[in-house]
Amino acid sequence: MKDSSLKIADMLKDLIKINAVIATELVQLVENSSRLIHGGDVPEICKEQHHALKKEIIEIAEKWSDTCQTLRIHNLDHE
């Protein structure tokens, strides 16, 4: 039973990380789409909020998984 619980916990950690990747990439996709629609200009407030959202998503993922370094580096340096 204990082994099964550990496997489930590991699976949930993996799912949290995968969802964080999906969520941060979707935020970036929205920003990139907005840039295309608005002729290359995204309002500064949107950029700030998108960055804050990605940071918050990464912090949630890092709470459950210590293998999120690439996620952090890619998203917080991704402009």
N, C-alpha and C. Protein backbone atom coordinates (compact mmCIF):
# COMPACT_ATOMS: atom_id res chain seq x y z
N MET A 1 0.83 -1.21 0.00
CA MET A 1 0.00 0.00 0.00
C MET A 1 0.87 1.26 0.00
N LYS A 2 1.93 1.23 0.78
CA LYS A 2 2.79 2.40 0.87
C LYS A 2 3.46 2.70 -0.48
N ASP A 3 3.91 1.65 -1.16
CA ASP A 3 4.54 1.80 -2.48
C ASP A 3 3.54 2.42 -3.47
N SER A 4 2.31 2.00 -3.41
CA SER A 4 1.27 2.54 -4.29
C SER A 4 1.02 4.02 -3.99
N SER A 5 1.02 4.38 -2.73
CA SER A 5 0.81 5.78 -2.35
C SER A 5 1.96 6.65 -2.85
N LEU A 6 3.18 6.13 -2.79
CA LEU A 6 4.34 6.88 -3.28
C LEU A 6 4.26 7.07 -4.79
N LYS A 7 3.81 6.05 -5.49
CA LYS A 7 3.66 6.15 -6.94
C LYS A 7 2.61 7.19 -7.31
N ILE A 8 1.53 7.20 -6.57
CA ILE A 8 0.46 8.18 -6.83
C ILE A 8 0.98 9.59 -6.53
N ALA A 9 1.72 9.75 -5.45
CA ALA A 9 2.27 11.06 -5.10
C ALA A 9 3.24 11.53 -6.19
N ASP A 10 4.08 10.62 -6.68
CA ASP A 10 5.01 10.97 -7.75
C ASP A 10 4.27 11.34 -9.02
N MET A 11 3.21 10.61 -9.34
CA MET A 11 2.42 10.89 -10.52
C MET A 11 1.77 12.28 -10.40
N LEU A 12 1.25 12.61 -9.23
CA LEU A 12 0.62 13.92 -9.03
C LEU A 12 1.64 15.05 -9.17
N LYS A 13 2.85 14.83 -8.67
CA LYS A 13 3.90 15.83 -8.83
C LYS A 13 4.22 16.04 -10.31
N ASP A 14 4.30 14.94 -11.05
CA ASP A 14 4.55 15.04 -12.49
C ASP A 14 3.42 15.79 -13.19
N LEU A 15 2.19 15.52 -12.81
CA LEU A 15 1.05 16.19 -13.43
C LEU A 15 1.03 17.68 -13.12
N ILE A 16 1.40 18.03 -11.90
CA ILE A 16 1.48 19.45 -11.54
C ILE A 16 2.51 20.15 -12.41
N LYS A 17 3.67 19.50 -12.59
CA LYS A 17 4.72 20.10 -13.42
C LYS A 17 4.26 20.21 -14.87
N ILE A 18 3.66 19.17 -15.40
CA ILE A 18 3.17 19.20 -16.78
C ILE A 18 2.13 20.30 -16.95
N ASN A 19 1.22 20.44 -16.02
CA ASN A 19 0.21 21.49 -16.09
C ASN A 19 0.85 22.87 -16.01
N ALA A 20 1.91 23.01 -15.24
CA ALA A 20 2.61 24.29 -15.16
C ALA A 20 3.25 24.63 -16.50
N VAL A 21 3.83 23.64 -17.16
CA VAL A 21 4.41 23.87 -18.50
C VAL A 21 3.31 24.33 -19.45
N ILE A 22 2.20 23.63 -19.45
CA ILE A 22 1.08 23.98 -20.33
C ILE A 22 0.57 25.39 -20.01
N ALA A 23 0.39 25.68 -18.74
CA ALA A 23 -0.15 26.99 -18.35
C ALA A 23 0.78 28.13 -18.74
N THR A 24 2.08 27.97 -18.48
CA THR A 24 3.01 29.06 -18.82
C THR A 24 3.12 29.24 -20.33
N GLU A 25 3.09 28.15 -21.07
CA GLU A 25 3.16 28.26 -22.53
C GLU A 25 1.89 28.90 -23.08
N LEU A 26 0.75 28.63 -22.47
CA LEU A 26 -0.50 29.27 -22.91
C LEU A 26 -0.47 30.78 -22.65
N VAL A 27 0.07 31.18 -21.52
CA VAL A 27 0.20 32.61 -21.24
C VAL A 27 1.08 33.25 -22.31
N GLN A 28 2.19 32.60 -22.64
CA GLN A 28 3.08 33.14 -23.67
C GLN A 28 2.41 33.17 -25.03
N LEU A 29 1.63 32.15 -25.33
CA LEU A 29 0.90 32.10 -26.60
C LEU A 29 -0.08 33.27 -26.71
N VAL A 30 -0.77 33.57 -25.63
CA VAL A 30 -1.70 34.70 -25.62
C VAL A 30 -0.94 36.00 -25.88
N GLU A 31 0.20 36.15 -25.22
CA GLU A 31 0.98 37.37 -25.43
C GLU A 31 1.49 37.46 -26.86
N ASN A 32 1.99 36.36 -27.39
CA ASN A 32 2.48 36.37 -28.77
C ASN A 32 1.35 36.67 -29.76
N SER A 33 0.17 36.10 -29.53
CA SER A 33 -0.98 36.37 -30.39
C SER A 33 -1.38 37.83 -30.31
N SER A 34 -1.37 38.38 -29.12
CA SER A 34 -1.70 39.79 -28.94
C SER A 34 -0.70 40.67 -29.68
N ARG A 35 0.55 40.28 -29.63
CA ARG A 35 1.59 41.04 -30.33
C ARG A 35 1.32 41.05 -31.83
N LEU A 36 0.91 39.91 -32.37
CA LEU A 36 0.60 39.83 -33.80
C LEU A 36 -0.63 40.67 -34.16
N ILE A 37 -1.65 40.59 -33.32
CA ILE A 37 -2.90 41.31 -33.59
C ILE A 37 -2.70 42.82 -33.50
N HIS A 38 -1.88 43.25 -32.55
CA HIS A 38 -1.71 44.68 -32.31
C HIS A 38 -0.47 45.25 -33.00
N GLY A 39 0.02 44.56 -34.00
CA GLY A 39 1.14 45.09 -34.77
C GLY A 39 2.45 45.16 -34.01
N GLY A 40 2.70 44.20 -33.17
CA GLY A 40 3.98 44.15 -32.46
C GLY A 40 3.98 44.84 -31.11
N ASP A 41 2.87 45.44 -30.74
CA ASP A 41 2.83 46.20 -29.49
C ASP A 41 1.89 45.53 -28.49
N VAL A 42 2.44 45.10 -27.37
CA VAL A 42 1.63 44.55 -26.28
C VAL A 42 1.68 45.56 -25.15
N PRO A 43 0.54 45.95 -24.62
CA PRO A 43 0.54 46.93 -23.52
C PRO A 43 1.45 46.46 -22.38
N GLU A 44 2.19 47.39 -21.83
CA GLU A 44 3.14 47.07 -20.76
C GLU A 44 2.46 46.38 -19.58
N ILE A 45 1.25 46.82 -19.24
CA ILE A 45 0.54 46.21 -18.11
C ILE A 45 0.27 44.73 -18.38
N CYS A 46 -0.01 44.39 -19.63
CA CYS A 46 -0.24 42.98 -19.98
C CYS A 46 1.05 42.18 -19.82
N LYS A 47 2.16 42.73 -20.29
CA LYS A 47 3.44 42.04 -20.14
C LYS A 47 3.75 41.79 -18.67
N GLU A 48 3.51 42.81 -17.85
CA GLU A 48 3.77 42.69 -16.40
C GLU A 48 2.88 41.62 -15.78
N GLN A 49 1.61 41.63 -16.14
CA GLN A 49 0.68 40.65 -15.58
C GLN A 49 1.00 39.24 -16.07
N HIS A 50 1.37 39.10 -17.33
CA HIS A 50 1.74 37.78 -17.86
C HIS A 50 2.97 37.25 -17.13
N HIS A 51 3.94 38.12 -16.91
CA HIS A 51 5.15 37.71 -16.19
C HIS A 51 4.79 37.27 -14.77
N ALA A 52 3.93 38.04 -14.12
CA ALA A 52 3.51 37.70 -12.75
C ALA A 52 2.76 36.37 -12.72
N LEU A 53 1.90 36.14 -13.70
CA LEU A 53 1.17 34.87 -13.77
C LEU A 53 2.12 33.69 -13.95
N LYS A 54 3.07 33.84 -14.89
CA LYS A 54 4.02 32.76 -15.12
C LYS A 54 4.86 32.49 -13.86
N LYS A 55 5.26 33.55 -13.18
CA LYS A 55 6.05 33.40 -11.95
C LYS A 55 5.24 32.65 -10.89
N GLU A 56 3.99 33.01 -10.74
CA GLU A 56 3.12 32.36 -9.75
C GLU A 56 2.91 30.88 -10.10
N ILE A 57 2.69 30.59 -11.38
CA ILE A 57 2.51 29.20 -11.82
C ILE A 57 3.76 28.39 -11.52
N ILE A 58 4.93 28.97 -11.80
CA ILE A 58 6.19 28.27 -11.54
C ILE A 58 6.38 28.04 -10.05
N GLU A 59 6.04 29.01 -9.23
CA GLU A 59 6.17 28.85 -7.78
C GLU A 59 5.27 27.72 -7.26
N ILE A 60 4.09 27.59 -7.82
CA ILE A 60 3.19 26.49 -7.44
C ILE A 60 3.84 25.16 -7.82
N ALA A 61 4.36 25.08 -9.04
CA ALA A 61 5.01 23.84 -9.49
C ALA A 61 6.21 23.51 -8.62
N GLU A 62 7.00 24.52 -8.27
CA GLU A 62 8.19 24.30 -7.45
C GLU A 62 7.86 23.86 -6.03
N LYS A 63 6.66 24.19 -5.59
CA LYS A 63 6.24 23.75 -4.26
C LYS A 63 6.16 22.23 -4.20
N TRP A 64 5.85 21.61 -5.33
CA TRP A 64 5.63 20.17 -5.37
C TRP A 64 6.72 19.39 -6.09
N SER A 65 7.56 20.08 -6.84
CA SER A 65 8.60 19.38 -7.61
C SER A 65 9.88 20.19 -7.59
N ASP A 66 10.99 19.52 -7.30
CA ASP A 66 12.26 20.25 -7.32
C ASP A 66 12.99 20.07 -8.65
N THR A 67 12.25 19.76 -9.70
CA THR A 67 12.84 19.60 -11.03
C THR A 67 12.26 20.62 -12.00
N CYS A 68 12.07 21.83 -11.54
CA CYS A 68 11.43 22.86 -12.38
C CYS A 68 12.42 23.95 -12.82
N GLN A 69 13.72 23.68 -12.73
CA GLN A 69 14.70 24.70 -13.09
C GLN A 69 14.55 25.15 -14.55
N THR A 70 14.40 24.20 -15.46
CA THR A 70 14.26 24.55 -16.87
C THR A 70 12.97 25.35 -17.11
N LEU A 71 11.91 24.96 -16.44
CA LEU A 71 10.64 25.69 -16.54
C LEU A 71 10.85 27.14 -16.10
N ARG A 72 11.52 27.35 -14.97
CA ARG A 72 11.77 28.69 -14.45
C ARG A 72 12.64 29.49 -15.43
N ILE A 73 13.75 28.92 -15.83
CA ILE A 73 14.68 29.63 -16.72
C ILE A 73 14.00 29.99 -18.04
N HIS A 74 13.33 29.02 -18.65
CA HIS A 74 12.71 29.26 -19.95
C HIS A 74 11.63 30.34 -19.86
N ASN A 75 10.80 30.28 -18.87
CA ASN A 75 9.65 31.20 -18.82
C ASN A 75 9.98 32.58 -18.29
N LEU A 76 10.87 32.67 -17.35
CA LEU A 76 11.14 33.99 -16.80
C LEU A 76 12.16 34.76 -17.62
N ASP A 77 12.86 34.08 -18.51
CA ASP A 77 13.77 34.76 -19.43
C ASP A 77 13.13 34.90 -20.81
N HIS A 78 11.94 34.36 -20.99
CA HIS A 78 11.26 34.30 -22.29
C HIS A 78 10.48 35.59 -22.51
N GLU A 79 11.00 36.45 -23.30
CA GLU A 79 10.29 37.71 -23.57
C GLU A 79 10.09 37.88 -25.04
